[in-house]
Protein backbone atom coordinates (compact mmCIF):
# COMPACT_ATOMS: atom_id res chain seq x y z
CA UNK A 1 60.63 149.29 88.81
CA UNK A 2 59.35 146.26 90.79
CA UNK A 3 59.48 144.04 87.68
CA UNK A 4 63.12 144.92 87.05
CA UNK A 5 63.99 144.16 90.72
CA UNK A 6 62.19 140.82 90.42
CA UNK A 7 63.97 140.04 87.16
CA UNK A 8 67.33 141.02 88.67
CA UNK A 9 66.70 138.86 91.75
CA UNK A 10 65.76 135.88 89.58
CA UNK A 11 68.91 136.32 87.46
CA UNK A 12 71.02 136.54 90.62
CA UNK A 13 69.52 133.31 91.99
CA UNK A 14 70.12 131.51 88.70
CA UNK A 15 73.71 132.79 88.50
CA UNK A 16 74.46 131.75 92.07
CA UNK A 17 72.95 128.31 91.51
CA UNK A 18 75.22 127.82 88.51
CA UNK A 19 78.25 128.69 90.67
CA UNK A 20 77.48 126.22 93.46
CA UNK A 21 80.23 123.76 94.35
CA UNK A 22 79.99 120.29 92.81
CA UNK A 23 78.17 117.72 94.87
CA UNK A 24 80.16 114.78 96.24
CA UNK A 25 79.33 112.34 93.40
CA UNK A 26 80.23 114.91 90.72
CA UNK A 27 83.50 115.75 92.46
CA UNK A 28 84.30 112.09 93.16
CA UNK A 29 84.07 110.97 89.52
CA UNK A 30 87.20 112.84 88.31
CA UNK A 31 89.10 111.77 91.44
CA UNK A 32 88.17 108.11 90.89
CA UNK A 33 89.17 108.32 87.22
CA UNK A 34 92.50 109.86 88.21
CA UNK A 35 93.09 107.10 90.78
CA UNK A 36 92.35 104.40 88.20
CA UNK A 37 94.61 106.05 85.62
CA UNK A 38 97.42 106.17 88.20
CA UNK A 39 96.78 102.55 89.19
CA UNK A 40 96.94 101.48 85.53
CA UNK A 41 100.53 102.71 85.51
CA UNK A 42 100.37 103.70 81.85
CA UNK A 43 99.47 100.16 80.78
CA UNK A 44 96.78 99.55 78.19
CA UNK A 45 93.79 97.38 79.06
CA UNK A 46 95.33 94.50 77.09
CA UNK A 47 98.63 94.86 78.95
CA UNK A 48 96.79 94.90 82.29
CA UNK A 49 94.97 91.67 81.40
CA UNK A 50 98.28 90.05 80.37
CA UNK A 51 99.91 91.17 83.62
CA UNK A 52 96.91 89.88 85.55
CA UNK A 53 97.25 86.48 83.89
CA UNK A 54 100.93 86.38 84.82
CA UNK A 55 100.22 87.35 88.42
CA UNK A 56 97.37 84.86 88.84
CA UNK A 57 99.70 82.12 87.58
CA UNK A 58 102.74 82.97 89.72
CA UNK A 59 101.00 84.20 92.87
CA UNK A 60 99.15 80.92 93.32
CA UNK A 61 95.64 82.32 92.88
CA UNK A 62 94.71 79.45 90.58
CA UNK A 63 96.05 76.88 93.06
CA UNK A 64 93.00 77.41 95.25
CA UNK A 65 90.48 79.36 93.17
CA UNK A 66 90.61 77.07 90.10
CA UNK A 67 89.42 73.48 90.65
CA UNK A 68 92.07 70.89 89.76
CA UNK A 69 94.71 73.47 88.79
CA UNK A 70 97.49 72.31 91.11
CA UNK A 71 96.70 68.64 90.51
CA UNK A 72 96.96 69.22 86.73
CA UNK A 73 100.27 71.02 87.06
CA UNK A 74 98.67 74.23 85.87
CA UNK A 75 97.34 72.66 82.69
CA UNK A 76 93.78 73.95 83.03
CA UNK A 77 92.03 76.08 80.42
CA UNK A 78 91.23 79.70 81.27
CA UNK A 79 87.55 78.85 80.88
CA UNK A 80 87.85 77.19 84.33
CA UNK A 81 90.07 79.78 86.01
CA UNK A 82 88.98 81.45 89.24
CA UNK A 83 85.50 79.91 89.55
CA UNK A 84 86.04 78.85 93.17
CA UNK A 85 86.49 75.40 94.57
CA UNK A 86 84.33 72.96 96.49
CA UNK A 87 87.45 71.64 98.24
CA UNK A 88 87.63 73.09 101.73
CA UNK A 89 90.58 73.81 103.97
CA UNK A 90 90.05 72.78 107.55
CA UNK A 91 91.84 74.23 110.57
CA UNK A 92 91.26 75.82 113.96
CA UNK A 93 89.39 78.63 112.17
CA UNK A 94 86.87 76.13 110.74
CA UNK A 95 86.52 75.27 107.06
CA UNK A 96 87.08 77.75 104.27
CA UNK A 97 86.42 77.47 100.55
CA UNK A 98 88.12 79.41 97.78
CA UNK A 99 85.67 82.01 96.47
CA UNK A 100 84.47 82.33 92.91
CA UNK A 101 86.41 85.46 91.99
CA UNK A 102 84.45 85.91 88.75
CA UNK A 103 81.24 86.30 90.73
CA UNK A 104 82.93 88.41 93.38
CA UNK A 105 84.18 90.84 90.75
CA UNK A 106 81.01 90.87 88.64
CA UNK A 107 79.36 93.75 90.49
CA UNK A 108 82.51 95.78 91.17
CA UNK A 109 84.16 98.50 89.17
CA UNK A 110 87.87 99.33 89.21
CA UNK A 111 87.65 101.73 92.15
CA UNK A 112 85.54 99.38 94.29
CA UNK A 113 87.90 96.47 93.53
CA UNK A 114 90.95 98.54 94.49
CA UNK A 115 89.30 99.52 97.77
CA UNK A 116 88.11 95.97 98.47
CA UNK A 117 91.43 94.32 97.69
CA UNK A 118 93.47 96.93 99.59
CA UNK A 119 91.48 96.09 102.73
CA UNK A 120 91.06 92.35 102.19
CA UNK A 121 90.84 90.27 105.38
CA UNK A 122 89.91 86.62 104.99
CA UNK A 123 90.46 83.35 106.79
CA UNK A 124 93.32 80.92 106.10
CA UNK A 125 94.72 79.64 103.89
CA UNK A 126 94.11 82.79 101.80
CA UNK A 127 97.23 84.97 102.03
CA UNK A 128 95.26 88.24 102.15
CA UNK A 129 98.36 90.04 103.42
CA UNK A 130 100.01 89.34 100.05
CA UNK A 131 97.10 90.92 98.21
CA UNK A 132 97.13 93.97 100.50
CA UNK A 133 100.88 94.36 99.85
CA UNK A 134 100.48 94.32 96.06
CA UNK A 135 100.70 97.57 94.17
CA UNK A 136 97.50 99.17 92.93
CA UNK A 137 98.67 98.33 89.40
CA UNK A 138 99.02 94.64 90.20
CA UNK A 139 95.65 94.46 91.95
CA UNK A 140 94.03 96.30 89.03
CA UNK A 141 95.70 93.90 86.58
CA UNK A 142 94.26 90.90 88.41
CA UNK A 143 90.85 92.54 88.39
CA UNK A 144 91.03 93.29 84.67
CA UNK A 145 91.94 89.63 84.02
CA UNK A 146 88.99 88.46 86.12
CA UNK A 147 86.65 90.86 84.31
CA UNK A 148 87.94 89.59 80.94
CA UNK A 149 86.63 86.11 81.83
CA UNK A 150 82.90 85.42 81.53
CA UNK A 151 80.96 85.11 84.77
CA UNK A 152 80.76 81.40 85.50
CA UNK A 153 80.17 78.90 88.28
CA UNK A 154 78.08 79.02 91.41
CA UNK A 155 78.54 80.77 94.68
């Protein structure tokens, strides 16, 4: 009789272990995927990259983050886009330099980028308030464009 009680207890422990709630990382994965799908707004990856290119052009991202872009009237190859600039902007806040967005994005995934860009606070002349006011879809599109470019440039 003792062996059957022991076997029953073991089976009960195994069954209960299988019914345990998902740990935070397991539960977070479907939620993150759902958030990204919602942010994509039904656009394909290719469409997101195209939208990102459009936004980077019209929102002025290249003006600061791509060396020589404004001076060339926007006639700069994508191989040089968003690699940061050694030209600094000086003001009461000190001197700021446009970051290399390719390097910034290199270690981020969609969810981390959306969180980062939704809470972006930088120094002038970066209009971080414009980025924070963008839709998730637009911020994801910019990220997908950046990720479509090879990592290049220095920090």
